[in-house]
Amino acid sequence: MSLRVVSKTERKIITINDIPSKEMFGDRDFIKAPDLYALCMDLINKHETQFSHLVNVAIEVLWKKVGGKSKGRVTLGKTQAATGLVGYFSECAFVIWIAADHCQEASFSDQQFQALLFHELCHISYDPEDGKLSLQGHDFEGFVSELRAYGAWDLTLKTMVSQAQQLSLFKLEESNYARPPGVDALPANC
């Protein structure tokens, strides 16, 4: 499967009505997500400097019926290298899946789908020294309570806070963020 470049004018806005219901999956865990695929291609084009290594990479984007949880948090999506049998049958290098159930429960907007797919694309990195694509972990890991108690005490947290302040991320209203299903507000002690 080759990657098709999609212009922004071709892509439709994704709404909650586009998220497949559990019944649409039947007995399958995954189904194709052409609207999310188009959004993915649009993001690669829009952020061509960051994602230039993905322009000719075959990526499959799927809906997953049930996203599940990891470390006590809902899993909204995941990027996986398509190796072995998965790579053989999918004819792609990477598979990105998005949890239909969690996105439905959180009433995801088009902007939130863009942010989620952008996040998943960031997991695919390119090493120019060996010329290989690979999966990459997150740039930082931390807790809000850790920042409240000790501030940005290490280099990764300092970098994250600095970048967030420059981008005015902390000035965004809480309503712009998708909350995990069942969470009405952010707890004061998180």
Protein backbone atom coordinates (compact mmCIF):
# COMPACT_ATOMS: atom_id res chain seq x y z
CA MET A 1 0.00 0.00 0.00
CA SER A 2 1.50 3.34 -0.96
CA LEU A 3 0.85 6.57 0.83
CA ARG A 4 -1.44 8.94 -1.02
CA VAL A 5 -0.97 12.64 -0.40
CA VAL A 6 -4.30 14.25 0.45
CA SER A 7 -4.83 17.97 0.15
CA LYS A 8 -6.59 19.80 2.94
CA THR A 9 -9.58 20.58 0.74
CA GLU A 10 -10.31 16.86 0.21
CA ARG A 11 -10.55 16.01 3.91
CA LYS A 12 -13.88 16.22 5.65
CA ILE A 13 -14.23 17.42 9.21
CA ILE A 14 -14.52 14.46 11.58
CA THR A 15 -17.41 14.63 14.04
CA ILE A 16 -18.69 12.36 16.77
CA ASN A 17 -21.17 10.98 14.20
CA ASP A 18 -18.21 9.56 12.23
CA ILE A 19 -17.05 7.37 15.13
CA PRO A 20 -18.24 3.83 14.48
CA SER A 21 -20.57 2.26 17.03
CA LYS A 22 -19.78 -1.13 18.58
CA GLU A 23 -22.41 -2.67 16.30
CA MET A 24 -20.52 -1.49 13.20
CA PHE A 25 -17.55 -3.63 14.26
CA GLY A 26 -19.60 -6.81 14.39
CA ASP A 27 -17.27 -9.52 15.69
CA ARG A 28 -14.12 -7.63 14.60
CA ASP A 29 -11.82 -5.69 16.91
CA PHE A 30 -10.57 -3.35 14.16
CA ILE A 31 -12.06 -1.69 11.08
CA LYS A 32 -10.57 0.63 8.49
CA ALA A 33 -10.77 4.37 9.21
CA PRO A 34 -10.62 6.21 5.86
CA ASP A 35 -11.53 9.60 7.38
CA LEU A 36 -8.78 9.25 10.00
CA TYR A 37 -6.35 8.10 7.30
CA ALA A 38 -7.13 11.25 5.28
CA LEU A 39 -6.60 13.36 8.40
CA CYS A 40 -3.30 11.57 9.04
CA MET A 41 -2.10 12.35 5.51
CA ASP A 42 -3.24 15.95 5.91
CA LEU A 43 -1.19 16.25 9.12
CA ILE A 44 1.90 14.82 7.42
CA ASN A 45 1.53 17.44 4.67
CA LYS A 46 0.68 20.29 7.05
CA HIS A 47 3.66 19.54 9.30
CA GLU A 48 6.01 18.55 6.49
CA THR A 49 9.14 19.68 8.33
CA GLN A 50 8.45 17.48 11.33
CA PHE A 51 7.02 14.54 9.37
CA SER A 52 9.08 14.67 6.17
CA HIS A 53 10.34 11.15 6.93
CA LEU A 54 6.74 9.86 6.69
CA VAL A 55 5.83 11.18 3.23
CA ASN A 56 6.49 7.88 1.44
CA VAL A 57 5.86 5.52 4.37
CA ALA A 58 2.88 3.17 4.21
CA ILE A 59 0.74 3.78 7.28
CA GLU A 60 -2.58 2.08 8.01
CA VAL A 61 -5.09 3.85 10.27
CA LEU A 62 -7.78 1.79 11.99
CA TRP A 63 -10.59 2.18 14.46
CA LYS A 64 -10.35 -0.15 17.45
CA LYS A 65 -13.62 -1.21 19.04
CA VAL A 66 -12.36 -1.06 22.64
CA GLY A 67 -9.28 0.96 23.54
CA GLY A 68 -8.77 -0.45 27.01
CA LYS A 69 -6.51 0.95 29.69
CA SER A 70 -2.82 1.06 30.42
CA LYS A 71 -1.38 1.98 33.82
CA GLY A 72 -4.86 3.00 34.99
CA ARG A 73 -5.49 5.46 32.13
CA VAL A 74 -7.64 5.01 29.05
CA THR A 75 -5.74 4.26 25.85
CA LEU A 76 -7.00 6.61 23.12
CA GLY A 77 -4.68 5.30 20.42
CA LYS A 78 -1.47 3.51 19.68
CA THR A 79 1.17 3.35 16.97
CA GLN A 80 2.70 -0.02 16.22
CA ALA A 81 5.39 -1.16 13.83
CA ALA A 82 3.87 -3.58 11.32
CA THR A 83 6.36 -6.42 11.48
CA GLY A 84 6.11 -10.14 10.90
CA LEU A 85 2.69 -11.38 9.83
CA VAL A 86 1.05 -8.01 10.46
CA GLY A 87 3.51 -6.34 8.09
CA TYR A 88 3.06 -9.09 5.51
CA PHE A 89 -0.73 -8.97 5.46
CA SER A 90 -1.16 -5.22 5.93
CA GLU A 91 1.56 -4.27 3.44
CA CYS A 92 2.41 -1.26 5.58
CA ALA A 93 5.24 -0.17 7.84
CA PHE A 94 3.16 1.18 10.74
CA VAL A 95 -0.37 0.79 12.05
CA ILE A 96 -2.10 3.51 14.04
CA TRP A 97 -5.29 2.58 15.83
CA ILE A 98 -7.74 4.93 17.52
CA ALA A 99 -10.12 3.76 20.27
CA ALA A 100 -13.67 4.30 19.02
CA ASP A 101 -15.22 3.69 22.44
CA HIS A 102 -13.11 6.24 24.31
CA CYS A 103 -13.39 8.88 21.57
CA GLN A 104 -17.17 8.41 21.55
CA GLU A 105 -17.41 8.70 25.36
CA ALA A 106 -15.23 11.83 25.37
CA SER A 107 -17.19 13.39 22.45
CA PHE A 108 -14.03 14.06 20.46
CA SER A 109 -13.97 17.06 18.13
CA ASP A 110 -12.06 17.29 14.84
CA GLN A 111 -9.35 19.28 16.62
CA GLN A 112 -8.97 16.56 19.24
CA PHE A 113 -8.68 13.90 16.51
CA GLN A 114 -5.99 16.05 14.89
CA ALA A 115 -4.08 16.30 18.18
CA LEU A 116 -4.39 12.56 18.85
CA LEU A 117 -3.20 11.57 15.36
CA PHE A 118 -0.38 14.13 15.55
CA HIS A 119 0.66 12.52 18.84
CA GLU A 120 0.61 9.05 17.28
CA LEU A 121 2.65 10.24 14.26
CA CYS A 122 5.26 11.66 16.66
CA HIS A 123 5.95 8.10 17.80
CA ILE A 124 7.45 7.29 14.38
CA SER A 125 11.00 8.57 14.27
CA TYR A 126 13.78 8.48 11.71
CA ASP A 127 17.44 7.96 12.49
CA PRO A 128 19.48 9.60 9.70
CA GLU A 129 22.63 7.71 10.76
CA ASP A 130 21.22 4.26 10.03
CA GLY A 131 18.43 5.39 7.68
CA LYS A 132 15.77 3.48 9.63
CA LEU A 133 12.35 4.31 10.97
CA SER A 134 11.51 3.18 14.49
CA LEU A 135 9.08 3.76 17.32
CA GLN A 136 9.94 6.52 19.74
CA GLY A 137 8.79 7.00 23.32
CA HIS A 138 7.44 10.25 24.72
CA ASP A 139 9.69 13.28 25.13
CA PHE A 140 8.80 13.59 28.81
CA GLU A 141 7.02 11.70 31.53
CA GLY A 142 5.80 13.27 34.70
CA PHE A 143 2.89 14.13 36.99
CA VAL A 144 1.08 17.40 37.61
CA SER A 145 1.45 16.79 41.37
CA GLU A 146 5.21 16.37 40.84
CA LEU A 147 5.34 19.80 39.15
CA ARG A 148 3.22 21.33 41.92
CA ALA A 149 5.40 19.90 44.68
CA TYR A 150 8.89 20.30 43.17
CA GLY A 151 8.58 22.38 40.02
CA ALA A 152 10.44 21.50 36.85
CA TRP A 153 13.25 19.73 38.68
CA ASP A 154 14.83 17.78 35.80
CA LEU A 155 15.83 18.63 32.24
CA THR A 156 12.88 16.92 30.52
CA LEU A 157 10.34 18.66 32.77
CA LYS A 158 12.15 22.01 32.36
CA THR A 159 12.03 21.61 28.58
CA MET A 160 8.34 20.65 28.64
CA VAL A 161 7.35 23.59 30.88
CA SER A 162 9.43 26.05 28.84
CA GLN A 163 7.88 24.91 25.56
CA ALA A 164 4.37 24.93 27.03
CA GLN A 165 4.82 28.48 28.35
CA GLN A 166 6.11 29.66 24.98
CA LEU A 167 3.10 28.15 23.25
CA SER A 168 0.68 29.53 25.87
CA LEU A 169 -0.68 26.04 26.43
CA PHE A 170 -1.40 26.76 30.05
CA LYS A 171 -3.67 29.65 29.04
CA LEU A 172 -6.10 27.40 27.15
CA GLU A 173 -9.43 26.82 28.78
CA GLU A 174 -9.95 23.40 30.32
CA SER A 175 -12.92 22.88 27.98
CA ASN A 176 -10.46 22.53 25.06
CA TYR A 177 -9.16 19.27 26.50
CA ALA A 178 -10.73 15.86 26.14
CA ARG A 179 -11.33 14.30 29.53
CA PRO A 180 -11.15 10.58 29.98
CA PRO A 181 -14.58 8.94 30.16
CA GLY A 182 -16.12 9.30 33.61
CA VAL A 183 -13.98 12.29 34.63
CA ASP A 184 -16.04 15.44 35.22
CA ALA A 185 -13.17 17.74 36.19
CA LEU A 186 -9.47 17.62 36.86
CA PRO A 187 -8.82 16.72 40.52
CA ALA A 188 -6.91 19.25 42.59
CA ASN A 189 -4.38 16.63 43.69
CA CYS A 190 -3.51 15.15 40.29
